[in-house]
Amino acid sequence: MKRWPRMAAESQPSGALDFKAPRQEFEYEFLHRKLLECDGNITRLAEAIGLERSYLYRKLKSYDIQ
């Protein structure tokens, strides 16, 4: 399984906490797993998790999930 890249953490000073990184990692893992469960069907995934399909497409693109 592809892991979400920690780009945001790289830009932080050494030892600094990045508040957004855990959420982004969770979203990536959640969307990737659910997409596999829906056999790659984005419409079905959007319905299953309660998001608008257009928003889900943008979210998947931002995480480079195909």
Protein backbone atom coordinates (compact mmCIF):
# COMPACT_ATOMS: atom_id res chain seq x y z
CA MET A 1 0.00 0.00 0.00
CA LYS A 2 1.36 3.41 -0.91
CA ARG A 3 2.03 5.65 2.06
CA TRP A 4 1.12 9.32 2.02
CA PRO A 5 4.21 11.46 1.50
CA ARG A 6 5.05 13.74 4.40
CA MET A 7 5.76 16.86 2.36
CA ALA A 8 4.42 19.22 5.02
CA ALA A 9 6.70 17.80 7.69
CA GLU A 10 9.76 18.41 5.52
CA SER A 11 9.09 22.15 5.47
CA GLN A 12 8.81 22.37 9.28
CA PRO A 13 11.78 23.31 11.48
CA SER A 14 13.41 20.39 13.21
CA GLY A 15 11.30 19.24 16.16
CA ALA A 16 8.25 21.33 15.23
CA LEU A 17 4.84 19.66 15.37
CA ASP A 18 2.76 19.67 12.21
CA PHE A 19 -0.93 19.76 13.08
CA LYS A 20 -2.16 18.97 9.54
CA ALA A 21 0.01 15.94 8.79
CA PRO A 22 -1.89 13.37 10.92
CA ARG A 23 -5.23 14.42 9.43
CA GLN A 24 -3.89 14.29 5.90
CA GLU A 25 -2.38 10.87 6.51
CA PHE A 26 -5.67 9.60 7.95
CA GLU A 27 -7.64 11.00 4.98
CA TYR A 28 -5.24 9.41 2.52
CA GLU A 29 -5.39 5.99 4.19
CA PHE A 30 -9.18 6.16 4.64
CA LEU A 31 -9.92 7.19 1.06
CA HIS A 32 -7.48 4.66 -0.39
CA ARG A 33 -8.93 1.79 1.65
CA LYS A 34 -12.55 2.75 0.93
CA LEU A 35 -11.84 3.12 -2.79
CA LEU A 36 -10.47 -0.42 -2.83
CA GLU A 37 -13.60 -1.63 -1.00
CA CYS A 38 -15.75 0.05 -3.68
CA ASP A 39 -13.73 -1.63 -6.45
CA GLY A 40 -12.48 1.74 -7.70
CA ASN A 41 -16.01 3.09 -8.25
CA ILE A 42 -15.81 6.75 -7.23
CA THR A 43 -19.56 7.35 -7.45
CA ARG A 44 -20.21 4.45 -5.08
CA LEU A 45 -17.44 5.67 -2.76
CA ALA A 46 -18.92 9.18 -2.65
CA GLU A 47 -22.31 7.77 -1.72
CA ALA A 48 -20.82 5.43 0.89
CA ILE A 49 -18.92 8.16 2.74
CA GLY A 50 -21.40 10.99 2.20
CA LEU A 51 -19.37 13.36 0.03
CA GLU A 52 -20.26 15.11 -3.20
CA ARG A 53 -18.63 13.29 -6.10
CA SER A 54 -16.98 16.46 -7.46
CA TYR A 55 -15.44 17.21 -4.04
CA LEU A 56 -14.25 13.62 -3.75
CA TYR A 57 -12.57 13.82 -7.17
CA ARG A 58 -10.65 16.91 -6.04
CA LYS A 59 -9.70 15.26 -2.74
CA LEU A 60 -8.46 12.10 -4.50
CA LYS A 61 -6.48 14.21 -6.96
CA SER A 62 -4.85 16.18 -4.13
CA TYR A 63 -3.61 12.89 -2.65
CA ASP A 64 -2.72 11.42 -6.04
CA ILE A 65 -5.06 8.46 -5.52
CA GLN A 66 -6.14 6.84 -8.75
